[in-house]
């Protein structure tokens, strides 16, 4: 059997034959680890079902990333809701109106590609600004008429890879009334944001005129989850129940008024802003959020040496405790009310 070093050398050679990378590029090492993992599965005797799952999951993720990478830089909203909602239902009309309003501010829409709310979400953007993430089910075999046949229609075998693509590429999530699947997608989004496993993004609920679907849902969250100590008070800041489609749009656009994007650099939370905050604004943030500061203070900064994206934007550095992400969402909300230079 070949030695570990020989195998590693062959992997490096294979990668170099496939593509060229700069010496400082970390991707060849990560690709090497992927190949090594696959070879270990061959050696460890995993059954065909396990290998099949890993194979299809990796193929689905690679293809989906390839499609989405053509539209980097364009904001996208994922719209969840029931496939059973009829076109004359007020919920359908609200979703269609929301999609239309978001298209007017140049956002793209991502839905599950089916009928009902998913089709409504495509009506405003139409296929040019829509993605469809379809799941292969025995009772839902076709995409809706708007997205069918479009290159941005992606078919998934697994729910977990599909949901990964929803969250990876969403700058906002909107929930419309729906069943188990809608609630699953919505609670996964909230869980990922609450635990810091996903970027903080707006999570908004909309329904048709006269509907109490989300009003009752919010009562359940407040009374049964918060009331029994199963979530923290600040976790209610992670979602917004909108009164109208326009209210939902306003909530999302307000989130990106001053805040642009963020990432962790080592242990610090780096917030990129559309304009530089005033010194008084930084004092206000420090006074209001000392409870989630690990050490030191929130301060303004130029791009850090390890950053490669959005270098033209000013930063604020938050030495975050990596806890209480509802409070971190509240900090972002305050950033959007701060005075800028």
C-alpha atoms as a PDB file:
ATOM      1  CA  UNK A   1       0.000   0.000   0.000  1.00  0.00           C
ATOM      2  CA  UNK A   2       1.298   3.458  -0.876  1.00  0.00           C
ATOM      3  CA  UNK A   3       2.738   5.549   1.952  1.00  0.00           C
ATOM      4  CA  UNK A   4       0.863   8.536   3.358  1.00  0.00           C
ATOM      5  CA  UNK A   5       3.509  10.910   1.976  1.00  0.00           C
ATOM      6  CA  UNK A   6       3.280   9.417  -1.512  1.00  0.00           C
ATOM      7  CA  UNK A   7      -0.507   9.767  -1.489  1.00  0.00           C
ATOM      8  CA  UNK A   8      -0.244  13.378  -0.318  1.00  0.00           C
ATOM      9  CA  UNK A   9       2.308  14.148  -3.036  1.00  0.00           C
ATOM     10  CA  UNK A  10      -0.019  12.647  -5.656  1.00  0.00           C
ATOM     11  CA  UNK A  11      -2.903  14.763  -4.366  1.00  0.00           C
ATOM     12  CA  UNK A  12      -0.799  17.938  -4.597  1.00  0.00           C
ATOM     13  CA  UNK A  13       0.274  16.946  -8.110  1.00  0.00           C
ATOM     14  CA  UNK A  14      -3.333  16.311  -9.149  1.00  0.00           C
ATOM     15  CA  UNK A  15      -4.420  19.720  -7.865  1.00  0.00           C
ATOM     16  CA  UNK A  16      -1.567  21.457  -9.684  1.00  0.00           C
ATOM     17  CA  UNK A  17      -2.550  19.703 -12.925  1.00  0.00           C
ATOM     18  CA  UNK A  18      -6.144  20.893 -12.526  1.00  0.00           C
ATOM     19  CA  UNK A  19      -5.641  24.583 -11.792  1.00  0.00           C
ATOM     20  CA  UNK A  20      -3.078  27.198 -10.808  1.00  0.00           C
ATOM     21  CA  UNK A  21      -3.133  29.006  -7.468  1.00  0.00           C
ATOM     22  CA  UNK A  22      -1.043  31.713  -5.884  1.00  0.00           C
ATOM     23  CA  UNK A  23       1.392  30.523  -3.215  1.00  0.00           C
ATOM     24  CA  UNK A  24      -0.590  32.410  -0.546  1.00  0.00           C
ATOM     25  CA  UNK A  25      -3.948  30.988  -1.635  1.00  0.00           C
ATOM     26  CA  UNK A  26      -5.393  28.698   1.094  1.00  0.00           C
ATOM     27  CA  UNK A  27      -7.716  26.855  -1.301  1.00  0.00           C
ATOM     28  CA  UNK A  28      -5.269  24.153  -2.541  1.00  0.00           C
ATOM     29  CA  UNK A  29      -4.744  22.974   1.033  1.00  0.00           C
ATOM     30  CA  UNK A  30      -8.492  22.811   1.649  1.00  0.00           C
ATOM     31  CA  UNK A  31      -9.063  20.948  -1.640  1.00  0.00           C
ATOM     32  CA  UNK A  32      -6.298  18.560  -0.605  1.00  0.00           C
ATOM     33  CA  UNK A  33      -8.147  17.891   2.644  1.00  0.00           C
ATOM     34  CA  UNK A  34     -11.373  17.154   0.724  1.00  0.00           C
ATOM     35  CA  UNK A  35      -9.615  14.635  -1.508  1.00  0.00           C
ATOM     36  CA  UNK A  36      -7.871  13.077   1.493  1.00  0.00           C
ATOM     37  CA  UNK A  37     -11.221  12.715   3.281  1.00  0.00           C
ATOM     38  CA  UNK A  38     -12.718  10.921   0.269  1.00  0.00           C
ATOM     39  CA  UNK A  39      -9.740   8.558   0.082  1.00  0.00           C
ATOM     40  CA  UNK A  40     -10.085   7.803   3.790  1.00  0.00           C
ATOM     41  CA  UNK A  41     -13.712   6.848   3.205  1.00  0.00           C
ATOM     42  CA  UNK A  42     -12.552   4.363   0.568  1.00  0.00           C
ATOM     43  CA  UNK A  43     -10.044   2.878   3.017  1.00  0.00           C
ATOM     44  CA  UNK A  44     -12.341   2.803   6.062  1.00  0.00           C
ATOM     45  CA  UNK A  45     -14.977   0.571   4.502  1.00  0.00           C
ATOM     46  CA  UNK A  46     -18.034   2.832   4.628  1.00  0.00           C
ATOM     47  CA  UNK A  47     -21.121   1.294   3.066  1.00  0.00           C
ATOM     48  CA  UNK A  48     -22.412   2.361  -0.335  1.00  0.00           C
ATOM     49  CA  UNK A  49     -25.296   4.359   1.152  1.00  0.00           C
ATOM     50  CA  UNK A  50     -22.948   6.509   3.221  1.00  0.00           C
ATOM     51  CA  UNK A  51     -20.596   7.109   0.309  1.00  0.00           C
ATOM     52  CA  UNK A  52     -23.549   7.871  -1.960  1.00  0.00           C
ATOM     53  CA  UNK A  53     -24.835  10.535   0.445  1.00  0.00           C
ATOM     54  CA  UNK A  54     -21.445  12.263   0.686  1.00  0.00           C
ATOM     55  CA  UNK A  55     -20.962  12.066  -3.088  1.00  0.00           C
ATOM     56  CA  UNK A  56     -24.312  13.590  -4.009  1.00  0.00           C
ATOM     57  CA  UNK A  57     -24.119  16.208  -1.258  1.00  0.00           C
ATOM     58  CA  UNK A  58     -20.704  17.385  -2.461  1.00  0.00           C
ATOM     59  CA  UNK A  59     -21.848  17.450  -6.090  1.00  0.00           C
ATOM     60  CA  UNK A  60     -24.993  19.411  -5.191  1.00  0.00           C
ATOM     61  CA  UNK A  61     -23.054  21.985  -3.204  1.00  0.00           C
ATOM     62  CA  UNK A  62     -20.410  22.439  -5.904  1.00  0.00           C
ATOM     63  CA  UNK A  63     -22.975  22.992  -8.641  1.00  0.00           C
ATOM     64  CA  UNK A  64     -25.133  25.335  -6.550  1.00  0.00           C
ATOM     65  CA  UNK A  65     -22.135  27.470  -5.585  1.00  0.00           C
ATOM     66  CA  UNK A  66     -21.144  27.626  -9.247  1.00  0.00           C
ATOM     67  CA  UNK A  67     -24.581  29.008 -10.169  1.00  0.00           C
ATOM     68  CA  UNK A  68     -24.756  31.533  -7.320  1.00  0.00           C
ATOM     69  CA  UNK A  69     -21.177  32.727  -7.843  1.00  0.00           C
ATOM     70  CA  UNK A  70     -22.271  34.344 -11.106  1.00  0.00           C
ATOM     71  CA  UNK A  71     -24.375  36.803  -9.085  1.00  0.00           C
ATOM     72  CA  UNK A  72     -22.007  37.822  -6.286  1.00  0.00           C
ATOM     73  CA  UNK A  73     -22.615  41.385  -5.179  1.00  0.00           C
ATOM     74  CA  UNK A  74     -26.378  41.374  -5.769  1.00  0.00           C
ATOM     75  CA  UNK A  75     -28.530  41.250  -2.632  1.00  0.00           C
ATOM     76  CA  UNK A  76     -30.894  38.271  -2.387  1.00  0.00           C
ATOM     77  CA  UNK A  77     -33.934  37.451  -0.271  1.00  0.00           C
ATOM     78  CA  UNK A  78     -35.203  33.930   0.396  1.00  0.00           C
ATOM     79  CA  UNK A  79     -38.987  33.596   0.507  1.00  0.00           C
ATOM     80  CA  UNK A  80     -40.495  30.614   2.340  1.00  0.00           C
ATOM     81  CA  UNK A  81     -44.140  29.581   2.275  1.00  0.00           C
ATOM     82  CA  UNK A  82     -46.683  26.940   1.373  1.00  0.00           C
ATOM     83  CA  UNK A  83     -46.804  25.324  -2.064  1.00  0.00           C
ATOM     84  CA  UNK A  84     -50.559  24.848  -1.535  1.00  0.00           C
ATOM     85  CA  UNK A  85     -51.520  28.535  -1.379  1.00  0.00           C
ATOM     86  CA  UNK A  86     -53.959  29.421  -4.169  1.00  0.00           C
ATOM     87  CA  UNK A  87     -53.370  32.466  -6.359  1.00  0.00           C
ATOM     88  CA  UNK A  88     -56.528  34.180  -5.100  1.00  0.00           C
ATOM     89  CA  UNK A  89     -55.425  33.794  -1.468  1.00  0.00           C
ATOM     90  CA  UNK A  90     -54.437  37.062   0.306  1.00  0.00           C
ATOM     91  CA  UNK A  91     -51.177  35.400   1.406  1.00  0.00           C
ATOM     92  CA  UNK A  92     -50.253  34.775  -2.242  1.00  0.00           C
ATOM     93  CA  UNK A  93     -51.027  38.381  -3.125  1.00  0.00           C
ATOM     94  CA  UNK A  94     -48.913  39.652  -0.221  1.00  0.00           C
ATOM     95  CA  UNK A  95     -45.945  37.489  -1.275  1.00  0.00           C
ATOM     96  CA  UNK A  96     -46.263  38.636  -4.892  1.00  0.00           C
ATOM     97  CA  UNK A  97     -46.420  42.274  -3.810  1.00  0.00           C
ATOM     98  CA  UNK A  98     -43.367  41.819  -1.587  1.00  0.00           C
ATOM     99  CA  UNK A  99     -41.403  40.233  -4.440  1.00  0.00           C
ATOM    100  CA  UNK A 100     -42.375  43.088  -6.748  1.00  0.00           C
ATOM    101  CA  UNK A 101     -41.258  45.713  -4.237  1.00  0.00           C
ATOM    102  CA  UNK A 102     -37.923  43.993  -3.671  1.00  0.00           C
ATOM    103  CA  UNK A 103     -37.352  43.752  -7.419  1.00  0.00           C
ATOM    104  CA  UNK A 104     -37.854  47.525  -7.625  1.00  0.00           C
ATOM    105  CA  UNK A 105     -34.847  48.010  -5.313  1.00  0.00           C
ATOM    106  CA  UNK A 106     -32.802  45.518  -7.406  1.00  0.00           C
ATOM    107  CA  UNK A 107     -32.893  42.514  -5.094  1.00  0.00           C
ATOM    108  CA  UNK A 108     -33.080  38.955  -6.406  1.00  0.00           C
ATOM    109  CA  UNK A 109     -35.485  36.366  -4.964  1.00  0.00           C
ATOM    110  CA  UNK A 110     -34.772  32.779  -3.939  1.00  0.00           C
ATOM    111  CA  UNK A 111     -37.663  30.365  -3.452  1.00  0.00           C
ATOM    112  CA  UNK A 112     -38.192  26.624  -3.401  1.00  0.00           C
ATOM    113  CA  UNK A 113     -39.281  26.779  -7.065  1.00  0.00           C
ATOM    114  CA  UNK A 114     -42.713  25.246  -6.524  1.00  0.00           C
ATOM    115  CA  UNK A 115     -46.176  26.707  -6.850  1.00  0.00           C
ATOM    116  CA  UNK A 116     -48.096  28.633  -4.195  1.00  0.00           C
ATOM    117  CA  UNK A 117     -46.040  31.161  -2.227  1.00  0.00           C
ATOM    118  CA  UNK A 118     -42.896  30.081  -4.074  1.00  0.00           C
ATOM    119  CA  UNK A 119     -44.369  31.086  -7.411  1.00  0.00           C
ATOM    120  CA  UNK A 120     -45.719  34.303  -5.889  1.00  0.00           C
ATOM    121  CA  UNK A 121     -42.209  35.217  -4.768  1.00  0.00           C
ATOM    122  CA  UNK A 122     -41.038  34.970  -8.391  1.00  0.00           C
ATOM    123  CA  UNK A 123     -43.818  37.077  -9.874  1.00  0.00           C
ATOM    124  CA  UNK A 124     -42.205  40.418  -9.050  1.00  0.00           C
ATOM    125  CA  UNK A 125     -38.570  39.673  -9.961  1.00  0.00           C
ATOM    126  CA  UNK A 126     -39.604  37.290 -12.785  1.00  0.00           C
ATOM    127  CA  UNK A 127     -37.083  34.688 -13.923  1.00  0.00           C
ATOM    128  CA  UNK A 128     -34.291  37.165 -14.716  1.00  0.00           C
ATOM    129  CA  UNK A 129     -33.886  37.966 -11.006  1.00  0.00           C
ATOM    130  CA  UNK A 130     -35.071  34.679  -9.488  1.00  0.00           C
ATOM    131  CA  UNK A 131     -33.446  31.503  -8.201  1.00  0.00           C
ATOM    132  CA  UNK A 132     -35.339  28.257  -7.720  1.00  0.00           C
ATOM    133  CA  UNK A 133     -34.036  25.665  -5.262  1.00  0.00           C
ATOM    134  CA  UNK A 134     -36.193  22.643  -5.992  1.00  0.00           C
ATOM    135  CA  UNK A 135     -36.325  19.490  -3.876  1.00  0.00           C
ATOM    136  CA  UNK A 136     -36.978  16.125  -5.488  1.00  0.00           C
ATOM    137  CA  UNK A 137     -40.201  14.811  -3.982  1.00  0.00           C
ATOM    138  CA  UNK A 138     -42.531  12.130  -5.370  1.00  0.00           C
ATOM    139  CA  UNK A 139     -45.535  14.479  -5.171  1.00  0.00           C
ATOM    140  CA  UNK A 140     -43.811  17.697  -6.369  1.00  0.00           C
ATOM    141  CA  UNK A 141     -41.944  16.970  -9.557  1.00  0.00           C
ATOM    142  CA  UNK A 142     -42.057  20.215 -11.552  1.00  0.00           C
ATOM    143  CA  UNK A 143     -40.980  23.786 -11.033  1.00  0.00           C
ATOM    144  CA  UNK A 144     -43.403  26.673 -11.372  1.00  0.00           C
ATOM    145  CA  UNK A 145     -43.953  28.198 -14.802  1.00  0.00           C
ATOM    146  CA  UNK A 146     -41.861  31.294 -14.053  1.00  0.00           C
ATOM    147  CA  UNK A 147     -38.575  29.550 -13.153  1.00  0.00           C
ATOM    148  CA  UNK A 148     -38.969  26.302 -15.130  1.00  0.00           C
ATOM    149  CA  UNK A 149     -36.102  25.821 -17.590  1.00  0.00           C
ATOM    150  CA  UNK A 150     -34.024  28.698 -16.200  1.00  0.00           C
ATOM    151  CA  UNK A 151     -30.288  28.119 -15.526  1.00  0.00           C
ATOM    152  CA  UNK A 152     -30.859  29.423 -11.995  1.00  0.00           C
ATOM    153  CA  UNK A 153     -33.187  26.507 -11.223  1.00  0.00           C
ATOM    154  CA  UNK A 154     -31.197  24.029  -9.107  1.00  0.00           C
ATOM    155  CA  UNK A 155     -32.505  20.577  -8.178  1.00  0.00           C
ATOM    156  CA  UNK A 156     -31.569  19.024  -4.832  1.00  0.00           C
ATOM    157  CA  UNK A 157     -31.763  15.476  -3.564  1.00  0.00           C
ATOM    158  CA  UNK A 158     -31.286  16.458   0.084  1.00  0.00           C
ATOM    159  CA  UNK A 159     -33.045  19.020   2.243  1.00  0.00           C
ATOM    160  CA  UNK A 160     -29.879  19.840   4.188  1.00  0.00           C
ATOM    161  CA  UNK A 161     -27.879  20.895   1.112  1.00  0.00           C
ATOM    162  CA  UNK A 162     -30.850  22.889  -0.155  1.00  0.00           C
ATOM    163  CA  UNK A 163     -31.284  24.711   3.156  1.00  0.00           C
ATOM    164  CA  UNK A 164     -27.542  25.401   3.264  1.00  0.00           C
ATOM    165  CA  UNK A 165     -27.826  27.208  -0.074  1.00  0.00           C
ATOM    166  CA  UNK A 166     -30.823  29.226   1.100  1.00  0.00           C
ATOM    167  CA  UNK A 167     -28.909  30.509   4.133  1.00  0.00           C
ATOM    168  CA  UNK A 168     -25.493  30.846   2.492  1.00  0.00           C
ATOM    169  CA  UNK A 169     -26.801  33.217  -0.169  1.00  0.00           C
ATOM    170  CA  UNK A 170     -29.555  35.102   1.656  1.00  0.00           C
ATOM    171  CA  UNK A 171     -29.205  38.716   2.756  1.00  0.00           C
ATOM    172  CA  UNK A 172     -32.704  38.435   4.249  1.00  0.00           C
ATOM    173  CA  UNK A 173     -35.279  35.708   4.902  1.00  0.00           C
ATOM    174  CA  UNK A 174     -39.023  36.193   4.590  1.00  0.00           C
ATOM    175  CA  UNK A 175     -41.554  33.710   5.897  1.00  0.00           C
ATOM    176  CA  UNK A 176     -45.102  33.501   4.565  1.00  0.00           C
ATOM    177  CA  UNK A 177     -47.785  31.212   6.030  1.00  0.00           C
ATOM    178  CA  UNK A 178     -46.998  27.561   5.431  1.00  0.00           C
ATOM    179  CA  UNK A 179     -46.804  24.077   6.893  1.00  0.00           C
ATOM    180  CA  UNK A 180     -44.110  21.882   8.389  1.00  0.00           C
ATOM    181  CA  UNK A 181     -41.548  22.707   5.691  1.00  0.00           C
ATOM    182  CA  UNK A 182     -41.988  26.458   6.060  1.00  0.00           C
ATOM    183  CA  UNK A 183     -41.687  26.269   9.846  1.00  0.00           C
ATOM    184  CA  UNK A 184     -38.631  24.026   9.531  1.00  0.00           C
ATOM    185  CA  UNK A 185     -36.877  26.469   7.210  1.00  0.00           C
ATOM    186  CA  UNK A 186     -37.834  29.472   9.327  1.00  0.00           C
ATOM    187  CA  UNK A 187     -36.740  27.974  12.650  1.00  0.00           C
ATOM    188  CA  UNK A 188     -33.482  26.761  11.120  1.00  0.00           C
ATOM    189  CA  UNK A 189     -32.757  30.319   9.971  1.00  0.00           C
ATOM    190  CA  UNK A 190     -33.526  31.681  13.438  1.00  0.00           C
ATOM    191  CA  UNK A 191     -31.447  28.972  15.134  1.00  0.00           C
ATOM    192  CA  UNK A 192     -28.424  29.612  12.923  1.00  0.00           C
ATOM    193  CA  UNK A 193     -28.571  33.355  13.580  1.00  0.00           C
ATOM    194  CA  UNK A 194     -29.256  32.881  17.316  1.00  0.00           C
ATOM    195  CA  UNK A 195     -26.215  30.612  17.726  1.00  0.00           C
ATOM    196  CA  UNK A 196     -23.834  32.604  15.536  1.00  0.00           C
ATOM    197  CA  UNK A 197     -23.584  29.857  12.919  1.00  0.00           C
ATOM    198  CA  UNK A 198     -24.913  32.215  10.242  1.00  0.00           C
ATOM    199  CA  UNK A 199     -24.542  35.877   9.440  1.00  0.00           C
ATOM    200  CA  UNK A 200     -27.066  38.096  11.195  1.00  0.00           C
ATOM    201  CA  UNK A 201     -29.698  38.945   8.591  1.00  0.00           C
ATOM    202  CA  UNK A 202     -33.271  40.239   8.750  1.00  0.00           C
ATOM    203  CA  UNK A 203     -35.847  37.484   9.319  1.00  0.00           C
ATOM    204  CA  UNK A 204     -39.278  38.876   8.489  1.00  0.00           C
ATOM    205  CA  UNK A 205     -42.793  37.391   8.438  1.00  0.00           C
ATOM    206  CA  UNK A 206     -45.586  38.576   6.159  1.00  0.00           C
ATOM    207  CA  UNK A 207     -49.144  37.406   5.558  1.00  0.00           C
ATOM    208  CA  UNK A 208     -52.205  38.526   3.640  1.00  0.00           C
ATOM    209  CA  UNK A 209     -54.604  41.144   4.866  1.00  0.00           C
ATOM    210  CA  UNK A 210     -56.774  39.870   7.713  1.00  0.00           C
ATOM    211  CA  UNK A 211     -54.514  36.912   8.535  1.00  0.00           C
ATOM    212  CA  UNK A 212     -53.546  36.242  12.170  1.00  0.00           C
ATOM    213  CA  UNK A 213     -51.074  33.446  11.264  1.00  0.00           C
ATOM    214  CA  UNK A 214     -47.938  35.290  12.389  1.00  0.00           C
ATOM    215  CA  UNK A 215     -49.715  37.136  15.205  1.00  0.00           C
ATOM    216  CA  UNK A 216     -50.536  33.768  16.763  1.00  0.00           C
ATOM    217  CA  UNK A 217     -47.030  32.483  16.016  1.00  0.00           C
ATOM    218  CA  UNK A 218     -45.483  35.481  17.764  1.00  0.00           C
ATOM    219  CA  UNK A 219     -47.756  34.918  20.790  1.00  0.00           C
ATOM    220  CA  UNK A 220     -46.503  31.317  20.953  1.00  0.00           C
ATOM    221  CA  UNK A 221     -42.887  32.487  20.832  1.00  0.00           C
ATOM    222  CA  UNK A 222     -43.459  35.081  23.548  1.00  0.00           C
ATOM    223  CA  UNK A 223     -45.665  33.072  25.877  1.00  0.00           C
ATOM    224  CA  UNK A 224     -44.368  29.519  25.495  1.00  0.00           C
ATOM    225  CA  UNK A 225     -40.697  29.956  24.564  1.00  0.00           C
ATOM    226  CA  UNK A 226     -39.727  33.204  26.280  1.00  0.00           C
ATOM    227  CA  UNK A 227     -42.303  32.708  29.021  1.00  0.00           C
ATOM    228  CA  UNK A 228     -40.765  29.360  29.957  1.00  0.00           C
ATOM    229  CA  UNK A 229     -37.177  30.601  29.746  1.00  0.00           C
ATOM    230  CA  UNK A 230     -36.386  28.626  26.581  1.00  0.00           C
ATOM    231  CA  UNK A 231     -35.104  31.700  24.729  1.00  0.00           C
ATOM    232  CA  UNK A 232     -33.704  35.027  25.933  1.00  0.00           C
ATOM    233  CA  UNK A 233     -35.574  38.308  25.763  1.00  0.00           C
ATOM    234  CA  UNK A 234     -33.174  39.684  23.155  1.00  0.00           C
ATOM    235  CA  UNK A 235     -33.890  36.704  20.877  1.00  0.00           C
ATOM    236  CA  UNK A 236     -37.184  38.339  19.973  1.00  0.00           C
ATOM    237  CA  UNK A 237     -35.064  40.970  18.195  1.00  0.00           C
ATOM    238  CA  UNK A 238     -34.018  38.342  15.661  1.00  0.00           C
ATOM    239  CA  UNK A 239     -37.341  38.475  13.786  1.00  0.00           C
ATOM    240  CA  UNK A 240     -39.940  41.018  12.730  1.00  0.00           C
ATOM    241  CA  UNK A 241     -43.628  40.366  12.077  1.00  0.00           C
ATOM    242  CA  UNK A 242     -44.487  42.845   9.331  1.00  0.00           C
ATOM    243  CA  UNK A 243     -47.882  44.501   9.032  1.00  0.00           C
ATOM    244  CA  UNK A 244     -47.706  44.840   5.217  1.00  0.00           C
ATOM    245  CA  UNK A 245     -45.374  43.846   2.366  1.00  0.00           C
ATOM    246  CA  UNK A 246     -44.083  47.432   2.324  1.00  0.00           C
ATOM    247  CA  UNK A 247     -43.336  47.215   6.056  1.00  0.00           C
ATOM    248  CA  UNK A 248     -41.296  44.068   5.367  1.00  0.00           C
ATOM    249  CA  UNK A 249     -39.343  45.841   2.631  1.00  0.00           C
ATOM    250  CA  UNK A 250     -38.725  48.848   4.881  1.00  0.00           C
ATOM    251  CA  UNK A 251     -37.443  46.610   7.675  1.00  0.00           C
ATOM    252  CA  UNK A 252     -34.976  44.893   5.354  1.00  0.00           C
ATOM    253  CA  UNK A 253     -33.748  48.102   3.723  1.00  0.00           C
ATOM    254  CA  UNK A 254     -33.345  49.800   7.119  1.00  0.00           C
ATOM    255  CA  UNK A 255     -31.094  46.920   8.193  1.00  0.00           C
ATOM    256  CA  UNK A 256     -28.667  47.849   5.393  1.00  0.00           C
ATOM    257  CA  UNK A 257     -28.997  51.622   5.811  1.00  0.00           C
ATOM    258  CA  UNK A 258     -25.605  52.080   7.535  1.00  0.00           C
ATOM    259  CA  UNK A 259     -24.623  48.456   8.177  1.00  0.00           C
ATOM    260  CA  UNK A 260     -23.169  46.768   5.097  1.00  0.00           C
ATOM    261  CA  UNK A 261     -21.812  43.377   6.168  1.00  0.00           C
ATOM    262  CA  UNK A 262     -19.703  41.718   8.850  1.00  0.00           C
ATOM    263  CA  UNK A 263     -17.342  38.886   9.630  1.00  0.00           C
ATOM    264  CA  UNK A 264     -15.206  37.594  12.466  1.00  0.00           C
ATOM    265  CA  UNK A 265     -11.478  38.253  12.197  1.00  0.00           C
ATOM    266  CA  UNK A 266      -9.903  36.016  14.804  1.00  0.00           C
ATOM    267  CA  UNK A 267     -12.007  36.762  17.886  1.00  0.00           C
ATOM    268  CA  UNK A 268     -13.269  40.220  16.884  1.00  0.00           C
ATOM    269  CA  UNK A 269     -16.531  41.005  15.115  1.00  0.00           C
ATOM    270  CA  UNK A 270     -15.765  43.397  12.261  1.00  0.00           C
ATOM    271  CA  UNK A 271     -18.711  45.442  10.991  1.00  0.00           C
ATOM    272  CA  UNK A 272     -18.357  47.116   7.605  1.00  0.00           C
ATOM    273  CA  UNK A 273     -20.421  50.279   7.300  1.00  0.00           C
ATOM    274  CA  UNK A 274     -21.621  52.270   4.301  1.00  0.00           C
ATOM    275  CA  UNK A 275     -20.294  55.461   5.930  1.00  0.00           C
ATOM    276  CA  UNK A 276     -17.955  56.268   8.810  1.00  0.00           C
ATOM    277  CA  UNK A 277     -19.637  56.633  12.195  1.00  0.00           C
ATOM    278  CA  UNK A 278     -19.056  59.756  14.266  1.00  0.00           C
ATOM    279  CA  UNK A 279     -17.012  59.558  17.469  1.00  0.00           C
ATOM    280  CA  UNK A 280     -20.149  60.312  19.485  1.00  0.00           C
ATOM    281  CA  UNK A 281     -21.841  57.315  17.842  1.00  0.00           C
ATOM    282  CA  UNK A 282     -19.006  55.037  18.962  1.00  0.00           C
ATOM    283  CA  UNK A 283     -19.364  56.320  22.522  1.00  0.00           C
ATOM    284  CA  UNK A 284     -23.089  55.603  22.348  1.00  0.00           C
ATOM    285  CA  UNK A 285     -22.457  52.030  21.186  1.00  0.00           C
ATOM    286  CA  UNK A 286     -19.939  51.420  23.972  1.00  0.00           C
ATOM    287  CA  UNK A 287     -22.320  52.790  26.596  1.00  0.00           C
ATOM    288  CA  UNK A 288     -25.193  50.612  25.335  1.00  0.00           C
ATOM    289  CA  UNK A 289     -23.468  47.274  24.677  1.00  0.00           C
ATOM    290  CA  UNK A 290     -20.729  46.865  27.290  1.00  0.00           C
ATOM    291  CA  UNK A 291     -22.456  43.614  28.357  1.00  0.00           C
ATOM    292  CA  UNK A 292     -21.393  41.809  25.180  1.00  0.00           C
ATOM    293  CA  UNK A 293     -17.858  43.211  24.972  1.00  0.00           C
ATOM    294  CA  UNK A 294     -15.157  40.699  25.832  1.00  0.00           C
ATOM    295  CA  UNK A 295     -12.429  43.216  26.598  1.00  0.00           C
ATOM    296  CA  UNK A 296     -11.550  46.749  25.608  1.00  0.00           C
ATOM    297  CA  UNK A 297     -13.999  48.877  23.640  1.00  0.00           C
ATOM    298  CA  UNK A 298     -15.798  49.163  20.311  1.00  0.00           C
ATOM    299  CA  UNK A 299     -13.665  51.299  18.026  1.00  0.00           C
ATOM    300  CA  UNK A 300     -13.411  52.543  14.457  1.00  0.00           C
ATOM    301  CA  UNK A 301     -10.878  50.938  12.146  1.00  0.00           C
ATOM    302  CA  UNK A 302      -9.552  50.754   8.624  1.00  0.00           C
ATOM    303  CA  UNK A 303      -9.690  47.322   6.924  1.00  0.00           C
ATOM    304  CA  UNK A 304      -7.613  44.759   8.803  1.00  0.00           C
ATOM    305  CA  UNK A 305      -4.541  43.262   7.164  1.00  0.00           C
ATOM    306  CA  UNK A 306      -6.175  39.841   6.742  1.00  0.00           C
ATOM    307  CA  UNK A 307      -9.296  41.207   5.031  1.00  0.00           C
ATOM    308  CA  UNK A 308      -9.755  40.966   1.266  1.00  0.00           C
ATOM    309  CA  UNK A 309     -13.363  42.101   0.738  1.00  0.00           C
ATOM    310  CA  UNK A 310     -14.949  45.568   0.611  1.00  0.00           C
ATOM    311  CA  UNK A 311     -11.673  47.312   1.391  1.00  0.00           C
ATOM    312  CA  UNK A 312     -13.188  50.670   0.459  1.00  0.00           C
ATOM    313  CA  UNK A 313     -15.597  50.596   3.416  1.00  0.00           C
ATOM    314  CA  UNK A 314     -14.915  51.870   6.968  1.00  0.00           C
ATOM    315  CA  UNK A 315     -15.097  49.422   9.868  1.00  0.00           C
ATOM    316  CA  UNK A 316     -15.985  49.228  13.517  1.00  0.00           C
ATOM    317  CA  UNK A 317     -14.348  46.522  15.614  1.00  0.00           C
ATOM    318  CA  UNK A 318     -16.507  44.829  18.253  1.00  0.00           C
ATOM    319  CA  UNK A 319     -14.582  42.581  20.717  1.00  0.00           C
ATOM    320  CA  UNK A 320     -17.651  40.356  20.970  1.00  0.00           C
ATOM    321  CA  UNK A 321     -18.092  37.654  23.598  1.00  0.00           C
ATOM    322  CA  UNK A 322     -19.615  35.364  20.936  1.00  0.00           C
ATOM    323  CA  UNK A 323     -22.716  35.086  23.073  1.00  0.00           C
ATOM    324  CA  UNK A 324     -26.099  36.834  23.032  1.00  0.00           C
ATOM    325  CA  UNK A 325     -26.463  37.220  19.276  1.00  0.00           C
ATOM    326  CA  UNK A 326     -29.844  38.843  19.853  1.00  0.00           C
ATOM    327  CA  UNK A 327     -27.944  41.673  21.560  1.00  0.00           C
ATOM    328  CA  UNK A 328     -25.542  41.773  18.633  1.00  0.00           C
ATOM    329  CA  UNK A 329     -28.556  42.203  16.352  1.00  0.00           C
ATOM    330  CA  UNK A 330     -29.669  45.082  18.588  1.00  0.00           C
ATOM    331  CA  UNK A 331     -26.199  46.612  18.208  1.00  0.00           C
ATOM    332  CA  UNK A 332     -26.552  46.474  14.413  1.00  0.00           C
ATOM    333  CA  UNK A 333     -29.962  48.107  14.726  1.00  0.00           C
ATOM    334  CA  UNK A 334     -28.357  50.947  16.707  1.00  0.00           C
ATOM    335  CA  UNK A 335     -25.569  51.261  14.123  1.00  0.00           C
ATOM    336  CA  UNK A 336     -28.309  51.948  11.576  1.00  0.00           C
ATOM    337  CA  UNK A 337     -29.560  54.868  13.680  1.00  0.00           C
ATOM    338  CA  UNK A 338     -26.106  56.348  14.294  1.00  0.00           C
ATOM    339  CA  UNK A 339     -24.853  59.609  12.857  1.00  0.00           C
ATOM    340  CA  UNK A 340     -22.234  59.276  10.143  1.00  0.00           C
ATOM    341  CA  UNK A 341     -19.537  61.531   8.760  1.00  0.00           C
END
